[in-house]
Amino acid sequence: MPWTILEAHLSSPRMGRYLDDCKGDKVRAVEAYTHNLLISEALMPLLHVLEISLRNGIHQRMTAHHGRDDWYEAWRGDHNFSEQFSYVIAAKSKLAGRQEACTPDKVVAELSFGFWVSLFNRKVITETSKPLLLAFSRCPKGQRRPDPIRAKLNKIRNLRNRCFHHEPMLWMPLHGLHTEAQEVIKWISPDLQCWLATHDRFPAVFTAWSAWRVS
């Protein structure tokens, strides 16, 4: 793909990061951008499995804890959960806009990854720590604490957002972030993590990028 076509259609500011890293070599800059595309693609199974298993695990635990599958309604009017309930209101609004029923399953599926991470904020975790931490049933006890879990989830959220918003990925600590995301999935279910590993192309794609970069 000629540099001029990518620059014309994807913008000079976007392509400039790759050109600078490749010291003005336009051929290598195009190759670097291609590696970025492939890495973003390869991260999708990991991010898919992590987000869905996380929200479903929390949904199951919170349902059991509150004795109702619309457990988020228990926060209505509670100022401590005003931020979290604003996510719920937004999710219901989107469902209503698509003329879909606001069932608990649909609301849970509509809630953003940011919502699930926000449940581990220090402001609210004291009231929800028991059911939330149970979602990570295979996490070693020494690490099954809100602060380290929140730290990992925030790093994964940043990775997810950059990937989903088509941002440069090549200059992130990708290997470490991939390992941490795998670990979180393993805390939820070792079997799930093992299954994902058979479909996870990221290690091979990252190795190819690393070899190209030093070539």
N, C-alpha and C. Protein backbone atom coordinates (compact mmCIF):
# COMPACT_ATOMS: atom_id res chain seq x y z
N MET A 1 0.85 -1.19 0.00
CA MET A 1 0.00 0.00 0.00
C MET A 1 0.89 1.25 0.00
N PRO A 2 0.73 2.14 -0.98
CA PRO A 2 1.54 3.38 -1.02
C PRO A 2 1.22 4.28 0.17
N TRP A 3 2.25 4.92 0.68
CA TRP A 3 2.11 5.84 1.79
C TRP A 3 1.09 6.93 1.49
N THR A 4 1.11 7.46 0.27
CA THR A 4 0.24 8.58 -0.08
C THR A 4 -1.23 8.24 0.09
N ILE A 5 -1.61 7.01 -0.18
CA ILE A 5 -3.01 6.61 -0.04
C ILE A 5 -3.42 6.56 1.43
N LEU A 6 -2.57 5.94 2.26
CA LEU A 6 -2.89 5.87 3.69
C LEU A 6 -2.92 7.27 4.30
N GLU A 7 -1.96 8.10 3.97
CA GLU A 7 -1.92 9.44 4.54
C GLU A 7 -3.14 10.24 4.11
N ALA A 8 -3.56 10.08 2.86
CA ALA A 8 -4.71 10.83 2.35
C ALA A 8 -6.01 10.43 3.02
N HIS A 9 -6.16 9.13 3.28
CA HIS A 9 -7.44 8.64 3.78
C HIS A 9 -7.48 8.44 5.30
N LEU A 10 -6.32 8.27 5.93
CA LEU A 10 -6.29 8.04 7.37
C LEU A 10 -5.77 9.24 8.15
N SER A 11 -5.29 10.26 7.46
CA SER A 11 -4.84 11.55 7.98
C SER A 11 -3.35 11.59 8.31
N SER A 12 -2.77 12.74 8.07
CA SER A 12 -1.35 12.95 8.36
C SER A 12 -1.05 12.85 9.85
N PRO A 13 -1.89 13.44 10.74
CA PRO A 13 -1.59 13.32 12.17
C PRO A 13 -1.56 11.86 12.64
N ARG A 14 -2.50 11.05 12.16
CA ARG A 14 -2.53 9.64 12.57
C ARG A 14 -1.29 8.91 12.07
N MET A 15 -0.94 9.11 10.82
CA MET A 15 0.19 8.39 10.24
C MET A 15 1.54 8.95 10.69
N GLY A 16 1.52 10.20 11.17
CA GLY A 16 2.77 10.83 11.56
C GLY A 16 3.49 10.12 12.68
N ARG A 17 2.73 9.52 13.61
CA ARG A 17 3.35 8.80 14.73
C ARG A 17 4.21 7.65 14.21
N TYR A 18 3.71 6.96 13.21
CA TYR A 18 4.43 5.83 12.65
C TYR A 18 5.63 6.30 11.82
N LEU A 19 5.44 7.39 11.11
CA LEU A 19 6.53 7.93 10.30
C LEU A 19 7.68 8.40 11.19
N ASP A 20 7.34 9.06 12.29
CA ASP A 20 8.38 9.52 13.22
C ASP A 20 9.14 8.34 13.80
N ASP A 21 8.41 7.31 14.20
CA ASP A 21 9.06 6.14 14.81
C ASP A 21 9.97 5.43 13.82
N CYS A 22 9.61 5.53 12.55
CA CYS A 22 10.41 4.87 11.50
C CYS A 22 11.40 5.84 10.86
N LYS A 23 11.64 6.97 11.53
CA LYS A 23 12.66 7.94 11.11
C LYS A 23 12.47 8.40 9.67
N GLY A 24 11.20 8.63 9.31
CA GLY A 24 10.89 9.17 7.99
C GLY A 24 10.81 8.14 6.88
N ASP A 25 11.02 6.89 7.18
CA ASP A 25 10.95 5.84 6.16
C ASP A 25 9.48 5.48 5.94
N LYS A 26 8.92 5.91 4.83
CA LYS A 26 7.49 5.74 4.57
C LYS A 26 7.11 4.28 4.34
N VAL A 27 8.00 3.53 3.73
CA VAL A 27 7.71 2.10 3.51
C VAL A 27 7.57 1.38 4.85
N ARG A 28 8.51 1.62 5.75
CA ARG A 28 8.45 0.98 7.07
C ARG A 28 7.28 1.52 7.89
N ALA A 29 6.94 2.79 7.71
CA ALA A 29 5.80 3.35 8.45
C ALA A 29 4.51 2.65 8.06
N VAL A 30 4.35 2.35 6.78
CA VAL A 30 3.17 1.60 6.33
C VAL A 30 3.18 0.19 6.94
N GLU A 31 4.35 -0.42 6.97
CA GLU A 31 4.45 -1.76 7.57
C GLU A 31 4.14 -1.72 9.06
N ALA A 32 4.60 -0.68 9.74
CA ALA A 32 4.30 -0.54 11.18
C ALA A 32 2.81 -0.37 11.41
N TYR A 33 2.17 0.42 10.56
CA TYR A 33 0.72 0.62 10.70
C TYR A 33 -0.02 -0.71 10.49
N THR A 34 0.47 -1.50 9.56
CA THR A 34 -0.13 -2.82 9.32
C THR A 34 0.02 -3.71 10.54
N HIS A 35 1.19 -3.67 11.17
CA HIS A 35 1.38 -4.44 12.41
C HIS A 35 0.39 -3.97 13.48
N ASN A 36 0.14 -2.67 13.55
CA ASN A 36 -0.81 -2.14 14.53
C ASN A 36 -2.21 -2.71 14.28
N LEU A 37 -2.61 -2.79 13.01
CA LEU A 37 -3.91 -3.36 12.67
C LEU A 37 -3.99 -4.82 13.12
N LEU A 38 -2.94 -5.58 12.85
CA LEU A 38 -2.95 -7.00 13.16
C LEU A 38 -2.94 -7.25 14.66
N ILE A 39 -2.21 -6.42 15.40
CA ILE A 39 -2.20 -6.55 16.85
C ILE A 39 -3.57 -6.23 17.43
N SER A 40 -4.19 -5.18 16.94
CA SER A 40 -5.53 -4.81 17.42
C SER A 40 -6.51 -5.95 17.16
N GLU A 41 -6.42 -6.53 15.97
CA GLU A 41 -7.29 -7.65 15.62
C GLU A 41 -7.03 -8.84 16.55
N ALA A 42 -5.77 -9.12 16.80
CA ALA A 42 -5.41 -10.29 17.61
C ALA A 42 -5.82 -10.15 19.07
N LEU A 43 -6.00 -8.92 19.54
CA LEU A 43 -6.41 -8.71 20.93
C LEU A 43 -7.91 -8.90 21.14
N MET A 44 -8.67 -8.92 20.07
CA MET A 44 -10.13 -8.96 20.21
C MET A 44 -10.65 -10.18 20.97
N PRO A 45 -10.18 -11.41 20.70
CA PRO A 45 -10.70 -12.55 21.47
C PRO A 45 -10.46 -12.41 22.97
N LEU A 46 -9.27 -11.94 23.34
CA LEU A 46 -8.94 -11.76 24.75
C LEU A 46 -9.88 -10.75 25.39
N LEU A 47 -10.05 -9.60 24.75
CA LEU A 47 -10.89 -8.55 25.31
C LEU A 47 -12.36 -8.96 25.32
N HIS A 48 -12.78 -9.69 24.31
CA HIS A 48 -14.15 -10.20 24.22
C HIS A 48 -14.45 -11.12 25.41
N VAL A 49 -13.60 -12.11 25.61
CA VAL A 49 -13.84 -13.10 26.67
C VAL A 49 -13.75 -12.44 28.04
N LEU A 50 -12.78 -11.55 28.23
CA LEU A 50 -12.62 -10.91 29.54
C LEU A 50 -13.85 -10.07 29.90
N GLU A 51 -14.28 -9.22 28.98
CA GLU A 51 -15.39 -8.33 29.29
C GLU A 51 -16.68 -9.09 29.56
N ILE A 52 -16.98 -10.06 28.72
CA ILE A 52 -18.25 -10.78 28.89
C ILE A 52 -18.24 -11.66 30.13
N SER A 53 -17.13 -12.34 30.37
CA SER A 53 -17.07 -13.19 31.57
C SER A 53 -17.07 -12.36 32.84
N LEU A 54 -16.44 -11.18 32.79
CA LEU A 54 -16.42 -10.30 33.96
C LEU A 54 -17.82 -9.83 34.30
N ARG A 55 -18.53 -9.30 33.30
CA ARG A 55 -19.86 -8.75 33.60
C ARG A 55 -20.84 -9.84 33.99
N ASN A 56 -20.75 -11.02 33.35
CA ASN A 56 -21.67 -12.09 33.72
C ASN A 56 -21.36 -12.65 35.10
N GLY A 57 -20.06 -12.73 35.43
CA GLY A 57 -19.70 -13.20 36.76
C GLY A 57 -20.19 -12.26 37.84
N ILE A 58 -20.01 -10.97 37.62
CA ILE A 58 -20.48 -9.98 38.60
C ILE A 58 -22.01 -10.00 38.67
N HIS A 59 -22.66 -10.10 37.53
CA HIS A 59 -24.12 -10.13 37.49
C HIS A 59 -24.65 -11.31 38.32
N GLN A 60 -24.06 -12.46 38.17
CA GLN A 60 -24.50 -13.64 38.93
C GLN A 60 -24.30 -13.44 40.43
N ARG A 61 -23.15 -12.90 40.81
CA ARG A 61 -22.86 -12.71 42.24
C ARG A 61 -23.75 -11.63 42.84
N MET A 62 -23.95 -10.54 42.11
CA MET A 62 -24.79 -9.45 42.64
C MET A 62 -26.26 -9.88 42.71
N THR A 63 -26.68 -10.69 41.76
CA THR A 63 -28.06 -11.22 41.79
C THR A 63 -28.27 -12.07 43.04
N ALA A 64 -27.31 -12.94 43.32
CA ALA A 64 -27.41 -13.79 44.51
C ALA A 64 -27.35 -12.95 45.78
N HIS A 65 -26.51 -11.92 45.79
CA HIS A 65 -26.33 -11.08 46.98
C HIS A 65 -27.59 -10.28 47.30
N HIS A 66 -28.23 -9.74 46.27
CA HIS A 66 -29.40 -8.88 46.50
C HIS A 66 -30.72 -9.65 46.40
N GLY A 67 -30.67 -10.89 45.90
CA GLY A 67 -31.89 -11.67 45.78
C GLY A 67 -32.80 -11.17 44.67
N ARG A 68 -32.23 -10.49 43.68
CA ARG A 68 -33.02 -9.98 42.55
C ARG A 68 -32.07 -9.78 41.37
N ASP A 69 -32.57 -10.06 40.16
CA ASP A 69 -31.69 -9.95 39.01
C ASP A 69 -31.54 -8.52 38.50
N ASP A 70 -32.40 -7.62 39.00
CA ASP A 70 -32.20 -6.20 38.69
C ASP A 70 -31.55 -5.52 39.92
N TRP A 71 -30.48 -6.12 40.41
CA TRP A 71 -29.80 -5.70 41.63
C TRP A 71 -29.38 -4.23 41.61
N TYR A 72 -29.13 -3.69 40.44
CA TYR A 72 -28.72 -2.29 40.32
C TYR A 72 -29.82 -1.33 40.76
N GLU A 73 -31.07 -1.80 40.77
CA GLU A 73 -32.17 -0.94 41.21
C GLU A 73 -32.10 -0.66 42.71
N ALA A 74 -31.35 -1.48 43.43
CA ALA A 74 -31.18 -1.25 44.87
C ALA A 74 -30.41 0.04 45.12
N TRP A 75 -29.74 0.56 44.10
CA TRP A 75 -28.96 1.79 44.24
C TRP A 75 -29.77 3.05 43.97
N ARG A 76 -30.99 2.89 43.50
CA ARG A 76 -31.79 4.06 43.15
C ARG A 76 -31.94 4.98 44.37
N GLY A 77 -31.54 6.23 44.20
CA GLY A 77 -31.65 7.21 45.27
C GLY A 77 -30.48 7.20 46.25
N ASP A 78 -29.55 6.26 46.10
CA ASP A 78 -28.39 6.19 46.99
C ASP A 78 -27.27 7.03 46.39
N HIS A 79 -26.94 8.14 47.05
CA HIS A 79 -25.95 9.05 46.49
C HIS A 79 -24.57 8.43 46.37
N ASN A 80 -24.29 7.40 47.18
CA ASN A 80 -23.00 6.72 47.09
C ASN A 80 -22.81 6.02 45.75
N PHE A 81 -23.93 5.65 45.13
CA PHE A 81 -23.88 4.94 43.85
C PHE A 81 -24.42 5.80 42.70
N SER A 82 -24.39 7.10 42.87
CA SER A 82 -24.95 7.97 41.83
C SER A 82 -24.23 7.80 40.49
N GLU A 83 -22.91 7.66 40.53
CA GLU A 83 -22.16 7.48 39.28
C GLU A 83 -22.56 6.17 38.61
N GLN A 84 -22.61 5.10 39.39
CA GLN A 84 -22.95 3.80 38.82
C GLN A 84 -24.38 3.78 38.28
N PHE A 85 -25.30 4.43 39.01
CA PHE A 85 -26.69 4.40 38.55
C PHE A 85 -26.87 5.25 37.30
N SER A 86 -26.01 6.24 37.10
CA SER A 86 -26.08 7.03 35.86
C SER A 86 -25.77 6.16 34.65
N TYR A 87 -24.87 5.18 34.83
CA TYR A 87 -24.59 4.23 33.75
C TYR A 87 -25.84 3.40 33.45
N VAL A 88 -26.56 3.00 34.50
CA VAL A 88 -27.77 2.20 34.33
C VAL A 88 -28.82 2.99 33.57
N ILE A 89 -28.99 4.25 33.95
CA ILE A 89 -29.97 5.11 33.26
C ILE A 89 -29.62 5.24 31.79
N ALA A 90 -28.33 5.44 31.50
CA ALA A 90 -27.90 5.58 30.11
C ALA A 90 -28.15 4.30 29.32
N ALA A 91 -27.88 3.14 29.96
CA ALA A 91 -28.10 1.86 29.30
C ALA A 91 -29.58 1.66 28.97
N LYS A 92 -30.44 1.99 29.92
CA LYS A 92 -31.88 1.86 29.69
C LYS A 92 -32.35 2.80 28.59
N SER A 93 -31.78 4.00 28.54
CA SER A 93 -32.14 4.96 27.51
C SER A 93 -31.80 4.44 26.12
N LYS A 94 -30.63 3.81 26.01
CA LYS A 94 -30.23 3.25 24.71
C LYS A 94 -31.17 2.13 24.30
N LEU A 95 -31.53 1.27 25.27
CA LEU A 95 -32.45 0.18 24.96
C LEU A 95 -33.81 0.72 24.52
N ALA A 96 -34.27 1.72 25.24
CA ALA A 96 -35.56 2.33 24.89
C ALA A 96 -35.50 2.96 23.50
N GLY A 97 -34.38 3.58 23.19
CA GLY A 97 -34.22 4.20 21.88
C GLY A 97 -34.27 3.19 20.75
N ARG A 98 -33.88 1.95 21.04
CA ARG A 98 -33.95 0.88 20.04
C ARG A 98 -35.25 0.08 20.18
N GLN A 99 -36.13 0.55 21.06
CA GLN A 99 -37.43 -0.09 21.32
C GLN A 99 -37.25 -1.54 21.78
N GLU A 100 -36.24 -1.73 22.66
CA GLU A 100 -35.99 -3.04 23.25
C GLU A 100 -36.42 -3.02 24.71
N ALA A 101 -36.86 -4.16 25.20
CA ALA A 101 -37.29 -4.26 26.60
C ALA A 101 -36.08 -4.10 27.52
N CYS A 102 -36.29 -3.40 28.63
CA CYS A 102 -35.20 -3.17 29.59
C CYS A 102 -35.13 -4.30 30.60
N THR A 103 -34.93 -5.51 30.13
CA THR A 103 -34.79 -6.65 31.02
C THR A 103 -33.41 -6.61 31.67
N PRO A 104 -33.26 -7.25 32.82
CA PRO A 104 -31.93 -7.25 33.46
C PRO A 104 -30.81 -7.76 32.56
N ASP A 105 -31.08 -8.82 31.80
CA ASP A 105 -30.04 -9.35 30.92
C ASP A 105 -29.62 -8.32 29.87
N LYS A 106 -30.59 -7.61 29.32
CA LYS A 106 -30.27 -6.61 28.30
C LYS A 106 -29.56 -5.40 28.91
N VAL A 107 -29.98 -5.00 30.10
CA VAL A 107 -29.32 -3.87 30.77
C VAL A 107 -27.87 -4.22 31.06
N VAL A 108 -27.65 -5.41 31.59
CA VAL A 108 -26.28 -5.85 31.90
C VAL A 108 -25.41 -5.87 30.65
N ALA A 109 -25.97 -6.37 29.54
CA ALA A 109 -25.21 -6.43 28.29
C ALA A 109 -24.91 -5.04 27.75
N GLU A 110 -25.78 -4.08 28.04
CA GLU A 110 -25.61 -2.72 27.52
C GLU A 110 -24.63 -1.89 28.34
N LEU A 111 -24.41 -2.26 29.60
CA LEU A 111 -23.53 -1.49 30.46
C LEU A 111 -22.08 -1.56 29.97
N SER A 112 -21.42 -0.43 29.99
CA SER A 112 -20.07 -0.34 29.45
C SER A 112 -19.04 -1.00 30.36
N PHE A 113 -17.87 -1.26 29.80
CA PHE A 113 -16.78 -1.82 30.59
C PHE A 113 -16.39 -0.86 31.71
N GLY A 114 -16.50 0.44 31.43
CA GLY A 114 -16.21 1.44 32.45
C GLY A 114 -17.09 1.29 33.67
N PHE A 115 -18.34 0.90 33.47
CA PHE A 115 -19.25 0.67 34.59
C PHE A 115 -18.73 -0.45 35.49
N TRP A 116 -18.35 -1.56 34.88
CA TRP A 116 -17.90 -2.71 35.67
C TRP A 116 -16.64 -2.39 36.45
N VAL A 117 -15.74 -1.63 35.84
CA VAL A 117 -14.52 -1.24 36.54
C VAL A 117 -14.85 -0.28 37.68
N SER A 118 -15.84 0.59 37.46
CA SER A 118 -16.19 1.59 38.49
C SER A 118 -16.71 0.94 39.77
N LEU A 119 -17.18 -0.29 39.68
CA LEU A 119 -17.69 -0.98 40.87
C LEU A 119 -16.58 -1.23 41.89
N PHE A 120 -15.34 -1.15 41.44
CA PHE A 120 -14.21 -1.40 42.32
C PHE A 120 -13.59 -0.11 42.85
N ASN A 121 -14.22 1.04 42.54
CA ASN A 121 -13.75 2.31 43.08
C ASN A 121 -13.87 2.30 44.60
N ARG A 122 -12.93 2.96 45.25
CA ARG A 122 -12.91 2.95 46.71
C ARG A 122 -14.17 3.54 47.33
N LYS A 123 -14.83 4.43 46.62
CA LYS A 123 -16.04 5.08 47.16
C LYS A 123 -17.16 4.08 47.40
N VAL A 124 -17.23 3.03 46.58
CA VAL A 124 -18.36 2.10 46.68
C VAL A 124 -17.95 0.68 47.05
N ILE A 125 -16.69 0.35 46.95
CA ILE A 125 -16.28 -1.04 47.12
C ILE A 125 -16.56 -1.58 48.51
N THR A 126 -16.58 -0.72 49.51
CA THR A 126 -16.82 -1.21 50.87
C THR A 126 -18.19 -1.85 51.01
N GLU A 127 -19.14 -1.41 50.18
CA GLU A 127 -20.49 -1.95 50.26
C GLU A 127 -20.73 -3.12 49.32
N THR A 128 -19.82 -3.33 48.39
CA THR A 128 -20.04 -4.37 47.39
C THR A 128 -18.90 -5.37 47.30
N SER A 129 -17.92 -5.26 48.17
CA SER A 129 -16.71 -6.07 48.00
C SER A 129 -16.98 -7.58 48.06
N LYS A 130 -17.87 -8.01 48.95
CA LYS A 130 -18.08 -9.45 49.10
C LYS A 130 -18.56 -10.10 47.82
N PRO A 131 -19.67 -9.66 47.21
CA PRO A 131 -20.10 -10.32 45.97
C PRO A 131 -19.15 -10.07 44.81
N LEU A 132 -18.54 -8.89 44.74
CA LEU A 132 -17.65 -8.60 43.63
C LEU A 132 -16.42 -9.50 43.65
N LEU A 133 -15.82 -9.65 44.82
CA LEU A 133 -14.61 -10.45 44.90
C LEU A 133 -14.90 -11.94 44.69
N LEU A 134 -16.12 -12.35 44.96
CA LEU A 134 -16.49 -13.74 44.71
C LEU A 134 -16.49 -14.06 43.22
N ALA A 135 -16.62 -13.03 42.39
CA ALA A 135 -16.57 -13.25 40.94
C ALA A 135 -15.20 -13.74 40.50
N PHE A 136 -14.18 -13.49 41.33
CA PHE A 136 -12.81 -13.94 41.04
C PHE A 136 -12.48 -15.11 41.97
N SER A 137 -13.26 -16.15 41.86
CA SER A 137 -13.18 -17.26 42.82
C SER A 137 -11.85 -17.99 42.78
N ARG A 138 -11.10 -17.90 41.67
CA ARG A 138 -9.84 -18.62 41.57
C ARG A 138 -8.63 -17.70 41.75
N CYS A 139 -8.89 -16.50 42.19
CA CYS A 139 -7.80 -15.58 42.48
C CYS A 139 -7.16 -15.96 43.81
N PRO A 140 -5.82 -16.03 43.87
CA PRO A 140 -5.17 -16.33 45.15
C PRO A 140 -5.61 -15.36 46.23
N LYS A 141 -5.81 -15.84 47.44
CA LYS A 141 -6.35 -15.00 48.50
C LYS A 141 -5.52 -13.75 48.75
N GLY A 142 -4.22 -13.86 48.61
CA GLY A 142 -3.37 -12.70 48.84
C GLY A 142 -3.59 -11.58 47.84
N GLN A 143 -4.12 -11.92 46.67
CA GLN A 143 -4.37 -10.92 45.64
C GLN A 143 -5.84 -10.59 45.48
N ARG A 144 -6.71 -11.35 46.16
CA ARG A 144 -8.15 -11.12 46.02
C ARG A 144 -8.58 -9.96 46.91
N ARG A 145 -8.09 -8.80 46.53
CA ARG A 145 -8.39 -7.55 47.24
C ARG A 145 -8.76 -6.49 46.21
N PRO A 146 -9.59 -5.52 46.60
CA PRO A 146 -10.06 -4.53 45.63
C PRO A 146 -8.96 -3.76 44.92
N ASP A 147 -7.94 -3.31 45.66
CA ASP A 147 -6.94 -2.43 45.04
C ASP A 147 -6.19 -3.11 43.89
N PRO A 148 -5.60 -4.31 44.08
CA PRO A 148 -4.89 -4.93 42.95
C PRO A 148 -5.81 -5.31 41.80
N ILE A 149 -7.05 -5.71 42.11
CA ILE A 149 -7.99 -6.05 41.04
C ILE A 149 -8.37 -4.79 40.27
N ARG A 150 -8.63 -3.71 40.98
CA ARG A 150 -8.96 -2.44 40.32
C ARG A 150 -7.82 -1.97 39.43
N ALA A 151 -6.60 -2.09 39.92
CA ALA A 151 -5.44 -1.65 39.14
C ALA A 151 -5.33 -2.43 37.83
N LYS A 152 -5.53 -3.74 37.90
CA LYS A 152 -5.47 -4.54 36.68
C LYS A 152 -6.59 -4.18 35.72
N LEU A 153 -7.80 -4.03 36.25
CA LEU A 153 -8.93 -3.73 35.39
C LEU A 153 -8.79 -2.36 34.73
N ASN A 154 -8.23 -1.41 35.43
CA ASN A 154 -8.03 -0.08 34.84
C ASN A 154 -7.02 -0.14 33.70
N LYS A 155 -5.97 -0.92 33.86
CA LYS A 155 -4.98 -1.06 32.78
C LYS A 155 -5.61 -1.75 31.57
N ILE A 156 -6.43 -2.76 31.85
CA ILE A 156 -7.09 -3.47 30.76
C ILE A 156 -8.12 -2.56 30.08
N ARG A 157 -8.79 -1.74 30.84
CA ARG A 157 -9.75 -0.80 30.25
C ARG A 157 -9.04 0.16 29.30
N ASN A 158 -7.88 0.64 29.69
CA ASN A 158 -7.12 1.54 28.81
C ASN A 158 -6.73 0.82 27.53
N LEU A 159 -6.27 -0.43 27.65
CA LEU A 159 -5.92 -1.22 26.48
C LEU A 159 -7.14 -1.40 25.58
N ARG A 160 -8.26 -1.77 26.18
CA ARG A 160 -9.50 -2.00 25.42
C ARG A 160 -9.93 -0.74 24.69
N ASN A 161 -9.91 0.39 25.40
CA ASN A 161 -10.38 1.63 24.78
C ASN A 161 -9.50 2.05 23.62
N ARG A 162 -8.21 1.91 23.79
CA ARG A 162 -7.30 2.27 22.70
C ARG A 162 -7.51 1.33 21.50
N CYS A 163 -7.71 0.07 21.78
CA CYS A 163 -7.95 -0.89 20.71
C CYS A 163 -9.27 -0.59 19.99
N PHE A 164 -10.34 -0.39 20.75
CA PHE A 164 -11.66 -0.19 20.17
C PHE A 164 -11.80 1.17 19.48
N HIS A 165 -10.97 2.13 19.86
CA HIS A 165 -11.01 3.46 19.23
C HIS A 165 -9.91 3.64 18.20
N HIS A 166 -9.30 2.52 17.81
CA HIS A 166 -8.37 2.50 16.67
C HIS A 166 -7.15 3.39 16.90
N GLU A 167 -6.67 3.38 18.13
CA GLU A 167 -5.51 4.19 18.48
C GLU A 167 -4.22 3.38 18.28
N PRO A 168 -3.07 4.05 18.26
CA PRO A 168 -1.79 3.32 18.17
C PRO A 168 -1.61 2.40 19.37
N MET A 169 -1.22 1.16 19.09
CA MET A 169 -1.04 0.16 20.14
C MET A 169 0.42 -0.22 20.32
N LEU A 170 1.22 0.02 19.31
CA LEU A 170 2.58 -0.53 19.26
C LEU A 170 3.48 -0.06 20.38
N TRP A 171 3.17 1.08 20.97
CA TRP A 171 4.06 1.65 21.99
C TRP A 171 3.54 1.42 23.39
N MET A 172 2.56 0.53 23.53
CA MET A 172 2.07 0.13 24.84
C MET A 172 2.84 -1.11 25.30
N PRO A 173 2.87 -1.37 26.61
CA PRO A 173 3.52 -2.61 27.11
C PRO A 173 2.60 -3.81 26.86
N LEU A 174 2.46 -4.15 25.59
CA LEU A 174 1.44 -5.10 25.16
C LEU A 174 1.61 -6.50 25.76
N HIS A 175 2.84 -6.96 25.81
CA HIS A 175 3.06 -8.32 26.34
C HIS A 175 2.61 -8.41 27.79
N GLY A 176 2.98 -7.43 28.59
CA GLY A 176 2.59 -7.43 30.00
C GLY A 176 1.09 -7.28 30.18
N LEU A 177 0.46 -6.42 29.37
CA LEU A 177 -0.99 -6.22 29.48
C LEU A 177 -1.74 -7.48 29.07
N HIS A 178 -1.26 -8.15 28.04
CA HIS A 178 -1.87 -9.40 27.61
C HIS A 178 -1.79 -10.44 28.72
N THR A 179 -0.63 -10.52 29.37
CA THR A 179 -0.45 -11.47 30.47
C THR A 179 -1.38 -11.15 31.63
N GLU A 180 -1.52 -9.88 31.96
CA GLU A 180 -2.40 -9.50 33.07
C GLU A 180 -3.86 -9.80 32.74
N ALA A 181 -4.27 -9.55 31.51
CA ALA A 181 -5.66 -9.84 31.12
C ALA A 181 -5.92 -11.34 31.18
N GLN A 182 -4.96 -12.13 30.73
CA GLN A 182 -5.10 -13.59 30.84
C GLN A 182 -5.25 -14.02 32.30
N GLU A 183 -4.49 -13.37 33.16
CA GLU A 183 -4.53 -13.71 34.58
C GLU A 183 -5.91 -13.42 35.17
N VAL A 184 -6.49 -12.29 34.79
CA VAL A 184 -7.82 -11.94 35.29
C VAL A 184 -8.84 -12.99 34.83
N ILE A 185 -8.76 -13.39 33.57
CA ILE A 185 -9.67 -14.43 33.08
C ILE A 185 -9.47 -15.73 33.85
N LYS A 186 -8.23 -16.05 34.14
CA LYS A 186 -7.95 -17.27 34.91
C LYS A 186 -8.54 -17.17 36.31
N TRP A 187 -8.53 -15.97 36.90
CA TRP A 187 -9.14 -15.79 38.21
C TRP A 187 -10.64 -16.06 38.17
N ILE A 188 -11.24 -15.76 37.02
CA ILE A 188 -12.67 -16.01 36.85
C ILE A 188 -12.92 -17.49 36.58
N SER A 189 -12.12 -18.05 35.66
CA SER A 189 -12.27 -19.47 35.32
C SER A 189 -11.01 -19.97 34.62
N PRO A 190 -10.24 -20.84 35.25
CA PRO A 190 -9.07 -21.42 34.58
C PRO A 190 -9.43 -22.16 33.30
N ASP A 191 -10.58 -22.83 33.29
CA ASP A 191 -11.01 -23.55 32.09
C ASP A 191 -11.24 -22.58 30.93
N LEU A 192 -11.84 -21.45 31.25
CA LEU A 192 -12.09 -20.44 30.22
C LEU A 192 -10.78 -19.90 29.67
N GLN A 193 -9.82 -19.67 30.54
CA GLN A 193 -8.52 -19.15 30.11
C GLN A 193 -7.81 -20.17 29.22
N CYS A 194 -7.90 -21.44 29.56
CA CYS A 194 -7.27 -22.49 28.75
C CYS A 194 -7.92 -22.58 27.37
N TRP A 195 -9.24 -22.48 27.34
CA TRP A 195 -9.94 -22.51 26.05
C TRP A 195 -9.55 -21.33 25.18
N LEU A 196 -9.49 -20.15 25.79
CA LEU A 196 -9.11 -18.96 25.04
C LEU A 196 -7.72 -19.11 24.45
N ALA A 197 -6.81 -19.70 25.20
CA ALA A 197 -5.42 -19.83 24.75
C ALA A 197 -5.32 -20.59 23.42
N THR A 198 -6.27 -21.48 23.17
CA THR A 198 -6.23 -22.24 21.91
C THR A 198 -6.67 -21.39 20.72
N HIS A 199 -7.27 -20.24 20.98
CA HIS A 199 -7.75 -19.35 19.90
C HIS A 199 -7.05 -18.00 19.91
N ASP A 200 -6.11 -17.83 20.79
CA ASP A 200 -5.45 -16.53 20.99
C ASP A 200 -4.26 -16.39 20.04
N ARG A 201 -4.39 -15.53 19.05
CA ARG A 201 -3.34 -15.32 18.07
C ARG A 201 -2.35 -14.23 18.48
N PHE A 202 -2.63 -13.56 19.59
CA PHE A 202 -1.77 -12.43 19.96
C PHE A 202 -0.30 -12.82 20.13
N PRO A 203 0.04 -13.90 20.83
CA PRO A 203 1.47 -14.20 21.00
C PRO A 203 2.24 -14.28 19.69
N ALA A 204 1.66 -14.93 18.68
CA ALA A 204 2.34 -15.05 17.39
C ALA A 204 2.44 -13.71 16.68
N VAL A 205 1.36 -12.93 16.74
CA VAL A 205 1.36 -11.62 16.07
C VAL A 205 2.33 -10.67 16.76
N PHE A 206 2.38 -10.72 18.07
CA PHE A 206 3.30 -9.85 18.81
C PHE A 206 4.75 -10.24 18.54
N THR A 207 5.02 -11.53 18.45
CA THR A 207 6.37 -12.01 18.13
C THR A 207 6.80 -11.52 16.75
N ALA A 208 5.87 -11.56 15.80
CA ALA A 208 6.18 -11.09 14.45
C ALA A 208 6.50 -9.59 14.45
N TRP A 209 5.72 -8.84 15.22
CA TRP A 209 5.97 -7.39 15.32
C TRP A 209 7.32 -7.12 15.98
N SER A 210 7.63 -7.83 17.04
CA SER A 210 8.89 -7.62 17.75
C SER A 210 10.07 -7.93 16.86
N ALA A 211 9.98 -9.01 16.06
CA ALA A 211 11.06 -9.38 15.15
C ALA A 211 11.22 -8.33 14.05
N TRP A 212 10.09 -7.85 13.54
CA TRP A 212 10.15 -6.83 12.47
C TRP A 212 10.79 -5.56 12.99
N ARG A 213 10.46 -5.17 14.21
CA ARG A 213 10.95 -3.90 14.74
C ARG A 213 12.47 -3.85 14.84
N VAL A 214 13.10 -4.98 15.09
CA VAL A 214 14.56 -4.97 15.23
C VAL A 214 15.26 -5.37 13.94
N SER A 215 14.45 -5.59 12.89
CA SER A 215 15.05 -6.00 11.62
C SER A 215 15.65 -4.81 10.86
